[in-house]
Amino acid sequence: MKLIKSLAVLGVALMVPMLAHADEEAAERLTHLLEPLKTYSADFDQQILDGSGQRLQEASGHIWLSRPGQFRWEVEAPYHQVVVSNGQEVYLYDPDLEQVTIQPLDTRVTHTPALLLSGKANALTENYEVSRQQQGTTETFTLLPKSPDTLFEDLKLTFRGEQLRGLQMSDSTGQRTAIAFADVEANAPVESSRFEFNVPEGTDVIQEAH
């Protein structure tokens, strides 16, 4: 299934070293940036790279978030796919396969970056070791999960001018998923219908239990 299920960020090569900050201070700073973020909307460009940096896949589309627990991740190119959470269930829809998988929402933010962004910011200090680097108005936070039961080995969030502009995720195989955000709108109204999913007629439904 080609469906893109998780978010991740584009790492930016910096010309000069950035200043590192202590973990406690970094966690507080990241909470300060995420806590006021009630809604988020942006275009995205995603790349998946193997351990050697070879590009395996590219995709682009749009993301909408509404905290807590609601998000819509819609891939527009090179194929159309959708991930929608209404706060209770997650719908993973692949039009090419005419198939939708419905899963209960796993509120453990250690499991998906989407939930990290749409969940409670104060859960970060409980589930991640957080460090921070800064150059000018660009701040990069590296999150290392405390639990081994995660989808990724590390996660980076990049803010510019206190606006979330990218994520990067690495898994245990060395594969990296990188996403850059553009045309960002933070705390703008988002229609509740964005987080509803009506199963198209003729679509196969796979219902996964808790």
N, C-alpha and C. Protein backbone atom coordinates (compact mmCIF):
# COMPACT_ATOMS: atom_id res chain seq x y z
N MET A 1 0.85 -1.19 0.00
CA MET A 1 0.00 0.00 0.00
C MET A 1 0.89 1.24 0.00
N LYS A 2 0.67 2.13 -0.97
CA LYS A 2 1.55 3.27 -1.15
C LYS A 2 1.27 4.39 -0.15
N LEU A 3 0.23 4.24 0.64
CA LEU A 3 -0.25 5.33 1.48
C LEU A 3 0.83 5.85 2.41
N ILE A 4 0.99 7.13 2.44
CA ILE A 4 1.96 7.75 3.32
C ILE A 4 1.30 7.96 4.67
N LYS A 5 1.81 7.31 5.69
CA LYS A 5 1.12 7.29 6.98
C LYS A 5 1.74 8.23 8.00
N SER A 6 2.91 8.69 7.78
CA SER A 6 3.55 9.48 8.82
C SER A 6 4.23 10.71 8.27
N LEU A 7 4.45 11.70 9.15
CA LEU A 7 5.08 12.93 8.75
C LEU A 7 6.56 12.88 9.09
N ALA A 8 7.36 13.76 8.38
CA ALA A 8 8.77 13.83 8.66
C ALA A 8 9.39 15.07 8.02
N VAL A 9 10.69 15.42 8.31
CA VAL A 9 11.14 16.73 7.85
C VAL A 9 12.41 16.85 7.07
N LEU A 10 12.41 17.97 6.35
CA LEU A 10 13.56 18.25 5.50
C LEU A 10 14.67 18.85 6.35
N GLY A 11 15.83 18.17 6.42
CA GLY A 11 16.98 18.70 7.15
C GLY A 11 17.72 19.70 6.29
N VAL A 12 18.05 20.83 6.86
CA VAL A 12 18.72 21.87 6.09
C VAL A 12 20.19 21.95 6.49
N ALA A 13 21.11 21.87 5.52
CA ALA A 13 22.54 21.98 5.81
C ALA A 13 22.86 23.42 6.17
N LEU A 14 23.55 23.61 7.30
CA LEU A 14 23.82 24.95 7.79
C LEU A 14 25.28 25.33 7.53
N MET A 15 25.49 26.60 7.26
CA MET A 15 26.83 27.08 6.92
C MET A 15 27.73 27.14 8.14
N VAL A 16 27.15 27.43 9.32
CA VAL A 16 27.96 27.52 10.54
C VAL A 16 27.30 26.69 11.62
N PRO A 17 28.06 26.26 12.62
CA PRO A 17 27.48 25.46 13.70
C PRO A 17 26.42 26.25 14.46
N MET A 18 25.41 25.51 14.97
CA MET A 18 24.37 26.13 15.77
C MET A 18 24.66 25.88 17.25
N LEU A 19 24.07 26.69 18.11
CA LEU A 19 24.27 26.55 19.54
C LEU A 19 23.33 25.50 20.09
N ALA A 20 23.86 24.57 20.88
CA ALA A 20 23.04 23.53 21.50
C ALA A 20 22.55 24.01 22.86
N HIS A 21 21.35 23.61 23.23
CA HIS A 21 20.76 24.00 24.50
C HIS A 21 20.42 22.76 25.31
N ALA A 22 20.37 22.92 26.62
CA ALA A 22 20.10 21.80 27.52
C ALA A 22 18.72 21.22 27.25
N ASP A 23 18.56 19.92 27.56
CA ASP A 23 17.32 19.22 27.26
C ASP A 23 16.11 19.85 27.93
N GLU A 24 16.22 20.20 29.19
CA GLU A 24 15.06 20.77 29.90
C GLU A 24 14.64 22.08 29.27
N GLU A 25 15.59 22.92 28.97
CA GLU A 25 15.29 24.20 28.32
C GLU A 25 14.71 23.98 26.93
N ALA A 26 15.24 22.98 26.21
CA ALA A 26 14.77 22.68 24.86
C ALA A 26 13.32 22.20 24.89
N ALA A 27 12.99 21.33 25.83
CA ALA A 27 11.62 20.84 25.94
C ALA A 27 10.65 21.96 26.28
N GLU A 28 11.07 22.85 27.15
CA GLU A 28 10.21 23.98 27.50
C GLU A 28 10.00 24.90 26.30
N ARG A 29 11.06 25.11 25.53
CA ARG A 29 10.96 25.98 24.35
C ARG A 29 10.04 25.36 23.30
N LEU A 30 10.18 24.05 23.07
CA LEU A 30 9.33 23.40 22.08
C LEU A 30 7.87 23.41 22.53
N THR A 31 7.63 23.18 23.80
CA THR A 31 6.26 23.28 24.33
C THR A 31 5.71 24.68 24.13
N HIS A 32 6.55 25.68 24.35
CA HIS A 32 6.13 27.08 24.16
C HIS A 32 5.72 27.35 22.71
N LEU A 33 6.41 26.72 21.76
CA LEU A 33 6.09 26.92 20.35
C LEU A 33 4.84 26.15 19.92
N LEU A 34 4.67 24.94 20.45
CA LEU A 34 3.57 24.09 20.00
C LEU A 34 2.26 24.34 20.75
N GLU A 35 2.35 24.72 22.02
CA GLU A 35 1.14 24.85 22.83
C GLU A 35 0.12 25.82 22.25
N PRO A 36 0.53 26.98 21.73
CA PRO A 36 -0.46 27.91 21.17
C PRO A 36 -1.01 27.47 19.80
N LEU A 37 -0.42 26.42 19.21
CA LEU A 37 -0.80 26.00 17.87
C LEU A 37 -2.07 25.16 17.93
N LYS A 38 -3.21 25.79 17.68
CA LYS A 38 -4.49 25.09 17.74
C LYS A 38 -4.87 24.50 16.38
N THR A 39 -4.57 25.23 15.30
CA THR A 39 -4.78 24.70 13.95
C THR A 39 -3.55 25.01 13.11
N TYR A 40 -3.38 24.20 12.06
CA TYR A 40 -2.20 24.36 11.20
C TYR A 40 -2.58 23.85 9.82
N SER A 41 -2.24 24.63 8.80
CA SER A 41 -2.52 24.26 7.42
C SER A 41 -1.31 24.64 6.57
N ALA A 42 -0.90 23.74 5.67
CA ALA A 42 0.27 24.03 4.84
C ALA A 42 0.34 23.10 3.65
N ASP A 43 0.96 23.58 2.56
CA ASP A 43 1.37 22.70 1.48
C ASP A 43 2.63 21.96 1.93
N PHE A 44 2.85 20.77 1.41
CA PHE A 44 4.07 20.05 1.76
C PHE A 44 4.70 19.40 0.54
N ASP A 45 6.02 19.26 0.61
CA ASP A 45 6.79 18.45 -0.32
C ASP A 45 7.54 17.42 0.51
N GLN A 46 7.38 16.15 0.15
CA GLN A 46 7.98 15.06 0.92
C GLN A 46 8.94 14.26 0.06
N GLN A 47 10.06 13.87 0.67
CA GLN A 47 11.01 12.97 0.04
C GLN A 47 11.32 11.83 1.00
N ILE A 48 11.44 10.62 0.45
CA ILE A 48 11.89 9.48 1.22
C ILE A 48 13.24 9.06 0.66
N LEU A 49 14.23 8.97 1.53
CA LEU A 49 15.61 8.67 1.14
C LEU A 49 16.08 7.40 1.83
N ASP A 50 16.90 6.62 1.14
CA ASP A 50 17.45 5.43 1.78
C ASP A 50 18.67 5.81 2.61
N GLY A 51 19.33 4.80 3.20
CA GLY A 51 20.44 5.07 4.10
C GLY A 51 21.61 5.76 3.45
N SER A 52 21.74 5.63 2.14
CA SER A 52 22.85 6.27 1.42
C SER A 52 22.47 7.64 0.86
N GLY A 53 21.22 8.07 1.11
CA GLY A 53 20.77 9.36 0.61
C GLY A 53 20.10 9.30 -0.75
N GLN A 54 19.96 8.08 -1.30
CA GLN A 54 19.29 7.92 -2.60
C GLN A 54 17.80 8.18 -2.45
N ARG A 55 17.23 8.98 -3.33
CA ARG A 55 15.81 9.31 -3.25
C ARG A 55 14.97 8.13 -3.73
N LEU A 56 14.08 7.67 -2.88
CA LEU A 56 13.21 6.54 -3.20
C LEU A 56 11.84 6.98 -3.67
N GLN A 57 11.36 8.10 -3.15
CA GLN A 57 9.99 8.51 -3.44
C GLN A 57 9.83 10.00 -3.17
N GLU A 58 8.97 10.64 -3.96
CA GLU A 58 8.61 12.04 -3.74
C GLU A 58 7.10 12.15 -3.75
N ALA A 59 6.58 13.10 -3.01
CA ALA A 59 5.14 13.34 -3.00
C ALA A 59 4.90 14.79 -2.57
N SER A 60 3.73 15.30 -2.92
CA SER A 60 3.36 16.65 -2.51
C SER A 60 1.87 16.67 -2.23
N GLY A 61 1.46 17.63 -1.43
CA GLY A 61 0.05 17.72 -1.09
C GLY A 61 -0.20 18.79 -0.04
N HIS A 62 -1.19 18.53 0.83
CA HIS A 62 -1.58 19.53 1.82
C HIS A 62 -1.89 18.82 3.14
N ILE A 63 -1.61 19.53 4.23
CA ILE A 63 -1.91 19.02 5.56
C ILE A 63 -2.76 20.03 6.32
N TRP A 64 -3.74 19.50 7.08
CA TRP A 64 -4.53 20.30 8.01
C TRP A 64 -4.47 19.62 9.37
N LEU A 65 -4.29 20.40 10.43
CA LEU A 65 -4.32 19.90 11.80
C LEU A 65 -5.28 20.73 12.63
N SER A 66 -5.96 20.08 13.55
CA SER A 66 -6.77 20.78 14.54
C SER A 66 -6.62 20.01 15.84
N ARG A 67 -6.02 20.63 16.82
CA ARG A 67 -5.77 19.94 18.08
C ARG A 67 -6.99 20.01 18.98
N PRO A 68 -7.28 18.91 19.72
CA PRO A 68 -6.46 17.70 19.81
C PRO A 68 -6.92 16.60 18.86
N GLY A 69 -5.96 15.91 18.25
CA GLY A 69 -6.20 14.64 17.61
C GLY A 69 -6.80 14.62 16.22
N GLN A 70 -7.07 15.79 15.63
CA GLN A 70 -7.67 15.79 14.30
C GLN A 70 -6.63 16.22 13.27
N PHE A 71 -6.55 15.47 12.17
CA PHE A 71 -5.65 15.87 11.10
C PHE A 71 -6.11 15.28 9.77
N ARG A 72 -5.68 15.92 8.71
CA ARG A 72 -5.92 15.43 7.35
C ARG A 72 -4.63 15.60 6.57
N TRP A 73 -4.14 14.49 6.03
CA TRP A 73 -2.88 14.44 5.29
C TRP A 73 -3.25 13.97 3.89
N GLU A 74 -3.24 14.89 2.92
CA GLU A 74 -3.75 14.57 1.58
C GLU A 74 -2.63 14.69 0.54
N VAL A 75 -2.28 13.55 -0.05
CA VAL A 75 -1.27 13.52 -1.10
C VAL A 75 -1.97 13.79 -2.43
N GLU A 76 -1.44 14.76 -3.18
CA GLU A 76 -2.04 15.14 -4.46
C GLU A 76 -1.24 14.62 -5.65
N ALA A 77 0.07 14.47 -5.48
CA ALA A 77 0.94 13.99 -6.57
C ALA A 77 2.08 13.18 -5.96
N PRO A 78 2.55 12.15 -6.65
CA PRO A 78 2.19 11.69 -8.00
C PRO A 78 0.91 10.87 -8.04
N TYR A 79 0.29 10.59 -6.91
CA TYR A 79 -0.96 9.85 -6.84
C TYR A 79 -1.77 10.45 -5.70
N HIS A 80 -3.06 10.16 -5.70
CA HIS A 80 -3.94 10.74 -4.69
C HIS A 80 -4.17 9.73 -3.56
N GLN A 81 -3.84 10.14 -2.32
CA GLN A 81 -4.10 9.33 -1.14
C GLN A 81 -4.41 10.24 0.04
N VAL A 82 -5.14 9.71 1.02
CA VAL A 82 -5.63 10.53 2.11
C VAL A 82 -5.52 9.78 3.44
N VAL A 83 -5.08 10.50 4.48
CA VAL A 83 -5.15 10.00 5.85
C VAL A 83 -5.94 11.03 6.64
N VAL A 84 -7.01 10.59 7.29
CA VAL A 84 -7.89 11.50 8.03
C VAL A 84 -8.10 10.97 9.44
N SER A 85 -7.97 11.83 10.44
CA SER A 85 -8.33 11.48 11.81
C SER A 85 -9.41 12.44 12.30
N ASN A 86 -10.49 11.87 12.87
CA ASN A 86 -11.55 12.69 13.45
C ASN A 86 -11.41 12.81 14.96
N GLY A 87 -10.27 12.36 15.48
CA GLY A 87 -10.03 12.40 16.91
C GLY A 87 -10.32 11.09 17.60
N GLN A 88 -10.99 10.17 16.90
CA GLN A 88 -11.31 8.86 17.46
C GLN A 88 -10.83 7.72 16.57
N GLU A 89 -10.96 7.92 15.25
CA GLU A 89 -10.53 6.91 14.29
C GLU A 89 -9.69 7.56 13.20
N VAL A 90 -8.85 6.72 12.59
CA VAL A 90 -8.01 7.17 11.48
C VAL A 90 -8.42 6.40 10.22
N TYR A 91 -8.66 7.13 9.14
CA TYR A 91 -9.04 6.55 7.85
C TYR A 91 -7.87 6.68 6.90
N LEU A 92 -7.44 5.55 6.32
CA LEU A 92 -6.35 5.53 5.36
C LEU A 92 -6.93 5.10 4.02
N TYR A 93 -7.03 6.05 3.10
CA TYR A 93 -7.77 5.82 1.85
C TYR A 93 -6.84 5.84 0.66
N ASP A 94 -6.92 4.77 -0.15
CA ASP A 94 -6.16 4.67 -1.39
C ASP A 94 -7.15 4.51 -2.54
N PRO A 95 -7.40 5.58 -3.31
CA PRO A 95 -8.37 5.50 -4.41
C PRO A 95 -7.97 4.48 -5.48
N ASP A 96 -6.67 4.32 -5.76
CA ASP A 96 -6.24 3.38 -6.79
C ASP A 96 -6.63 1.95 -6.43
N LEU A 97 -6.52 1.63 -5.14
CA LEU A 97 -6.89 0.29 -4.68
C LEU A 97 -8.37 0.19 -4.34
N GLU A 98 -9.06 1.36 -4.36
CA GLU A 98 -10.46 1.42 -3.94
C GLU A 98 -10.61 0.75 -2.57
N GLN A 99 -9.78 1.20 -1.64
CA GLN A 99 -9.72 0.58 -0.32
C GLN A 99 -9.51 1.64 0.75
N VAL A 100 -10.21 1.49 1.87
CA VAL A 100 -10.00 2.34 3.03
C VAL A 100 -9.81 1.45 4.25
N THR A 101 -8.78 1.76 5.02
CA THR A 101 -8.53 1.06 6.28
C THR A 101 -8.89 1.99 7.42
N ILE A 102 -9.68 1.49 8.36
CA ILE A 102 -10.12 2.30 9.50
C ILE A 102 -9.47 1.73 10.75
N GLN A 103 -8.74 2.58 11.45
CA GLN A 103 -8.02 2.16 12.65
C GLN A 103 -8.45 3.03 13.82
N PRO A 104 -8.45 2.48 15.03
CA PRO A 104 -8.67 3.34 16.20
C PRO A 104 -7.50 4.30 16.36
N LEU A 105 -7.76 5.51 16.80
CA LEU A 105 -6.70 6.49 17.00
C LEU A 105 -5.85 6.07 18.18
N ASP A 106 -4.56 5.92 17.96
CA ASP A 106 -3.62 5.59 19.02
C ASP A 106 -3.10 6.90 19.58
N THR A 107 -3.51 7.22 20.80
CA THR A 107 -3.16 8.52 21.39
C THR A 107 -1.75 8.56 21.96
N ARG A 108 -1.02 7.46 21.85
CA ARG A 108 0.36 7.48 22.32
C ARG A 108 1.20 8.25 21.31
N VAL A 109 1.60 9.48 21.69
CA VAL A 109 2.27 10.36 20.73
C VAL A 109 3.63 9.82 20.32
N THR A 110 4.14 8.79 21.00
CA THR A 110 5.41 8.22 20.59
C THR A 110 5.27 7.45 19.28
N HIS A 111 4.07 7.20 18.81
CA HIS A 111 3.88 6.33 17.66
C HIS A 111 3.85 7.07 16.33
N THR A 112 3.31 8.26 16.25
CA THR A 112 3.25 8.94 14.96
C THR A 112 3.55 10.43 15.11
N PRO A 113 4.35 10.98 14.20
CA PRO A 113 4.61 12.41 14.23
C PRO A 113 3.35 13.24 14.05
N ALA A 114 2.37 12.75 13.29
CA ALA A 114 1.12 13.49 13.13
C ALA A 114 0.44 13.70 14.46
N LEU A 115 0.44 12.65 15.28
CA LEU A 115 -0.16 12.78 16.60
C LEU A 115 0.68 13.68 17.50
N LEU A 116 1.98 13.69 17.28
CA LEU A 116 2.83 14.58 18.06
C LEU A 116 2.40 16.03 17.85
N LEU A 117 2.11 16.37 16.60
CA LEU A 117 1.71 17.74 16.28
C LEU A 117 0.28 18.03 16.68
N SER A 118 -0.59 17.03 16.59
CA SER A 118 -2.00 17.28 16.87
C SER A 118 -2.37 16.97 18.32
N GLY A 119 -1.42 16.41 19.08
CA GLY A 119 -1.70 16.05 20.46
C GLY A 119 -1.29 17.15 21.43
N LYS A 120 -1.08 16.76 22.68
CA LYS A 120 -0.75 17.72 23.73
C LYS A 120 0.75 17.95 23.77
N ALA A 121 1.13 19.22 23.79
CA ALA A 121 2.56 19.55 23.75
C ALA A 121 3.29 19.08 24.99
N ASN A 122 2.64 19.09 26.16
CA ASN A 122 3.34 18.71 27.39
C ASN A 122 3.66 17.23 27.44
N ALA A 123 3.11 16.42 26.51
CA ALA A 123 3.46 15.01 26.46
C ALA A 123 4.88 14.80 25.93
N LEU A 124 5.45 15.82 25.33
CA LEU A 124 6.79 15.69 24.75
C LEU A 124 7.83 15.35 25.81
N THR A 125 7.76 16.04 26.95
CA THR A 125 8.76 15.81 27.99
C THR A 125 8.62 14.44 28.60
N GLU A 126 7.44 13.83 28.51
CA GLU A 126 7.22 12.50 29.05
C GLU A 126 7.71 11.42 28.09
N ASN A 127 7.65 11.67 26.80
CA ASN A 127 7.90 10.63 25.80
C ASN A 127 9.19 10.80 25.01
N TYR A 128 9.82 11.97 25.10
CA TYR A 128 11.00 12.23 24.28
C TYR A 128 12.11 12.90 25.07
N GLU A 129 13.33 12.60 24.66
CA GLU A 129 14.48 13.41 25.05
C GLU A 129 14.60 14.49 23.98
N VAL A 130 14.58 15.75 24.39
CA VAL A 130 14.55 16.86 23.44
C VAL A 130 15.83 17.68 23.54
N SER A 131 16.43 17.97 22.39
CA SER A 131 17.55 18.90 22.35
C SER A 131 17.26 19.96 21.29
N ARG A 132 17.95 21.08 21.38
CA ARG A 132 17.64 22.22 20.52
C ARG A 132 18.92 22.85 20.00
N GLN A 133 18.87 23.27 18.73
CA GLN A 133 19.95 24.04 18.12
C GLN A 133 19.33 25.27 17.47
N GLN A 134 20.10 26.34 17.42
CA GLN A 134 19.57 27.59 16.86
C GLN A 134 20.63 28.32 16.06
N GLN A 135 20.18 28.86 14.92
CA GLN A 135 21.00 29.78 14.13
C GLN A 135 20.09 30.89 13.66
N GLY A 136 20.30 32.08 14.15
CA GLY A 136 19.43 33.19 13.80
C GLY A 136 18.00 32.90 14.24
N THR A 137 17.05 33.00 13.31
CA THR A 137 15.65 32.74 13.63
C THR A 137 15.24 31.29 13.36
N THR A 138 16.21 30.44 12.97
CA THR A 138 15.92 29.03 12.71
C THR A 138 16.25 28.20 13.94
N GLU A 139 15.27 27.44 14.41
CA GLU A 139 15.45 26.56 15.56
C GLU A 139 15.14 25.12 15.12
N THR A 140 16.03 24.20 15.45
CA THR A 140 15.84 22.79 15.12
C THR A 140 15.82 21.98 16.41
N PHE A 141 14.75 21.22 16.59
CA PHE A 141 14.59 20.38 17.78
C PHE A 141 14.76 18.92 17.36
N THR A 142 15.59 18.19 18.07
CA THR A 142 15.77 16.76 17.85
C THR A 142 15.09 16.00 18.97
N LEU A 143 14.20 15.09 18.62
CA LEU A 143 13.44 14.31 19.59
C LEU A 143 13.85 12.85 19.49
N LEU A 144 14.28 12.29 20.59
CA LEU A 144 14.65 10.88 20.67
C LEU A 144 13.64 10.17 21.56
N PRO A 145 12.87 9.23 21.02
CA PRO A 145 11.83 8.56 21.82
C PRO A 145 12.44 7.79 23.00
N LYS A 146 11.79 7.89 24.15
CA LYS A 146 12.23 7.15 25.33
C LYS A 146 11.80 5.69 25.25
N SER A 147 10.71 5.42 24.53
CA SER A 147 10.21 4.06 24.38
C SER A 147 10.73 3.45 23.08
N PRO A 148 11.09 2.17 23.09
CA PRO A 148 11.54 1.52 21.86
C PRO A 148 10.40 1.21 20.90
N ASP A 149 9.16 1.31 21.37
CA ASP A 149 8.00 0.95 20.57
C ASP A 149 7.53 2.16 19.76
N THR A 150 8.34 2.56 18.78
CA THR A 150 8.04 3.73 17.98
C THR A 150 8.29 3.44 16.51
N LEU A 151 7.82 4.35 15.65
CA LEU A 151 8.01 4.21 14.22
C LEU A 151 9.33 4.80 13.76
N PHE A 152 10.03 5.52 14.63
CA PHE A 152 11.22 6.22 14.19
C PHE A 152 12.29 6.21 15.26
N GLU A 153 13.54 6.40 14.81
CA GLU A 153 14.68 6.47 15.71
C GLU A 153 14.88 7.89 16.23
N ASP A 154 14.64 8.85 15.38
CA ASP A 154 14.71 10.25 15.81
C ASP A 154 13.81 11.09 14.91
N LEU A 155 13.42 12.23 15.44
CA LEU A 155 12.54 13.14 14.74
C LEU A 155 13.06 14.55 14.93
N LYS A 156 13.14 15.31 13.84
CA LYS A 156 13.58 16.70 13.92
C LYS A 156 12.44 17.62 13.48
N LEU A 157 12.22 18.68 14.23
CA LEU A 157 11.25 19.70 13.88
C LEU A 157 11.99 21.01 13.68
N THR A 158 11.74 21.66 12.56
CA THR A 158 12.41 22.92 12.24
C THR A 158 11.42 24.06 12.23
N PHE A 159 11.74 25.11 12.99
CA PHE A 159 10.93 26.32 13.04
C PHE A 159 11.75 27.48 12.49
N ARG A 160 11.08 28.34 11.74
CA ARG A 160 11.70 29.59 11.30
C ARG A 160 10.79 30.72 11.71
N GLY A 161 11.35 31.64 12.49
CA GLY A 161 10.53 32.73 12.99
C GLY A 161 9.35 32.21 13.81
N GLU A 162 9.59 31.14 14.58
CA GLU A 162 8.60 30.50 15.44
C GLU A 162 7.47 29.83 14.66
N GLN A 163 7.67 29.60 13.37
CA GLN A 163 6.66 28.93 12.53
C GLN A 163 7.22 27.58 12.08
N LEU A 164 6.43 26.52 12.28
CA LEU A 164 6.87 25.18 11.89
C LEU A 164 6.99 25.10 10.38
N ARG A 165 8.21 24.78 9.91
CA ARG A 165 8.46 24.74 8.47
C ARG A 165 8.97 23.40 7.96
N GLY A 166 9.26 22.46 8.85
CA GLY A 166 9.72 21.18 8.35
C GLY A 166 9.88 20.14 9.43
N LEU A 167 9.87 18.87 8.99
CA LEU A 167 10.13 17.74 9.87
C LEU A 167 11.02 16.75 9.13
N GLN A 168 11.79 16.00 9.90
CA GLN A 168 12.60 14.94 9.32
C GLN A 168 12.61 13.75 10.27
N MET A 169 12.37 12.56 9.74
CA MET A 169 12.27 11.37 10.55
C MET A 169 13.19 10.30 10.00
N SER A 170 13.90 9.58 10.89
CA SER A 170 14.76 8.46 10.51
C SER A 170 14.27 7.21 11.22
N ASP A 171 14.27 6.07 10.49
CA ASP A 171 13.87 4.82 11.13
C ASP A 171 15.08 3.92 11.35
N SER A 172 14.85 2.73 11.89
CA SER A 172 15.94 1.85 12.28
C SER A 172 16.73 1.31 11.08
N THR A 173 16.16 1.39 9.88
CA THR A 173 16.85 0.90 8.68
C THR A 173 17.75 1.97 8.06
N GLY A 174 17.70 3.19 8.61
CA GLY A 174 18.46 4.30 8.04
C GLY A 174 17.66 5.10 7.04
N GLN A 175 16.44 4.67 6.73
CA GLN A 175 15.59 5.41 5.79
C GLN A 175 15.12 6.71 6.42
N ARG A 176 15.15 7.78 5.64
CA ARG A 176 14.72 9.09 6.13
C ARG A 176 13.53 9.59 5.34
N THR A 177 12.58 10.15 6.06
CA THR A 177 11.45 10.82 5.42
C THR A 177 11.57 12.30 5.76
N ALA A 178 11.56 13.14 4.74
CA ALA A 178 11.77 14.57 4.95
C ALA A 178 10.63 15.36 4.32
N ILE A 179 10.10 16.29 5.08
CA ILE A 179 8.98 17.10 4.61
C ILE A 179 9.27 18.58 4.85
N ALA A 180 9.05 19.39 3.83
CA ALA A 180 9.14 20.84 3.94
C ALA A 180 7.75 21.44 3.75
N PHE A 181 7.39 22.39 4.61
CA PHE A 181 6.09 23.03 4.55
C PHE A 181 6.20 24.43 3.94
N ALA A 182 5.18 24.82 3.18
CA ALA A 182 5.13 26.16 2.57
C ALA A 182 3.70 26.68 2.66
N ASP A 183 3.55 28.00 2.47
CA ASP A 183 2.23 28.65 2.56
C ASP A 183 1.53 28.25 3.85
N VAL A 184 2.25 28.38 4.95
CA VAL A 184 1.75 27.96 6.26
C VAL A 184 0.72 28.94 6.80
N GLU A 185 -0.37 28.40 7.35
CA GLU A 185 -1.35 29.19 8.08
C GLU A 185 -1.52 28.56 9.45
N ALA A 186 -1.16 29.31 10.49
CA ALA A 186 -1.29 28.83 11.86
C ALA A 186 -2.46 29.52 12.55
N ASN A 187 -3.29 28.72 13.22
CA ASN A 187 -4.44 29.21 13.98
C ASN A 187 -5.47 29.93 13.13
N ALA A 188 -5.52 29.59 11.85
CA ALA A 188 -6.59 30.08 10.99
C ALA A 188 -7.76 29.10 11.06
N PRO A 189 -8.99 29.55 10.82
CA PRO A 189 -10.13 28.64 10.88
C PRO A 189 -9.98 27.49 9.88
N VAL A 190 -10.30 26.28 10.34
CA VAL A 190 -10.31 25.09 9.49
C VAL A 190 -11.68 24.44 9.61
N GLU A 191 -12.33 24.21 8.48
CA GLU A 191 -13.67 23.62 8.51
C GLU A 191 -13.62 22.22 9.12
N SER A 192 -14.57 21.93 10.01
CA SER A 192 -14.62 20.64 10.67
C SER A 192 -14.79 19.49 9.68
N SER A 193 -15.35 19.78 8.52
CA SER A 193 -15.57 18.74 7.51
C SER A 193 -14.25 18.18 6.97
N ARG A 194 -13.14 18.93 7.15
CA ARG A 194 -11.83 18.43 6.73
C ARG A 194 -11.47 17.13 7.45
N PHE A 195 -12.01 16.96 8.65
CA PHE A 195 -11.64 15.83 9.49
C PHE A 195 -12.72 14.75 9.53
N GLU A 196 -13.61 14.83 8.54
CA GLU A 196 -14.61 13.79 8.37
C GLU A 196 -14.29 13.03 7.08
N PHE A 197 -14.58 11.74 7.09
CA PHE A 197 -14.33 10.94 5.88
C PHE A 197 -15.55 10.10 5.58
N ASN A 198 -16.11 10.31 4.40
CA ASN A 198 -17.24 9.52 3.94
C ASN A 198 -16.73 8.49 2.93
N VAL A 199 -16.93 7.24 3.25
CA VAL A 199 -16.40 6.16 2.41
C VAL A 199 -17.11 6.17 1.06
N PRO A 200 -16.36 6.32 -0.05
CA PRO A 200 -16.97 6.33 -1.39
C PRO A 200 -17.66 5.00 -1.69
N GLU A 201 -18.73 5.08 -2.43
CA GLU A 201 -19.47 3.87 -2.82
C GLU A 201 -18.55 2.94 -3.62
N GLY A 202 -18.63 1.65 -3.31
CA GLY A 202 -17.82 0.66 -4.01
C GLY A 202 -16.44 0.46 -3.44
N THR A 203 -16.12 1.17 -2.36
CA THR A 203 -14.80 1.05 -1.74
C THR A 203 -14.77 -0.09 -0.72
N ASP A 204 -13.73 -0.90 -0.76
CA ASP A 204 -13.55 -1.96 0.23
C ASP A 204 -13.13 -1.35 1.56
N VAL A 205 -13.76 -1.80 2.64
CA VAL A 205 -13.47 -1.27 3.97
C VAL A 205 -12.80 -2.35 4.82
N ILE A 206 -11.65 -2.00 5.36
CA ILE A 206 -10.95 -2.89 6.30
C ILE A 206 -11.01 -2.23 7.67
N GLN A 207 -11.70 -2.84 8.61
CA GLN A 207 -11.87 -2.28 9.95
C GLN A 207 -10.92 -3.00 10.90
N GLU A 208 -9.98 -2.24 11.46
CA GLU A 208 -9.04 -2.84 12.41
C GLU A 208 -9.53 -2.60 13.83
N ALA A 209 -9.45 -3.64 14.65
CA ALA A 209 -9.94 -3.56 16.03
C ALA A 209 -8.90 -2.89 16.92
N HIS A 210 -9.33 -2.53 18.12
CA HIS A 210 -8.41 -1.94 19.10
C HIS A 210 -7.36 -2.96 19.49
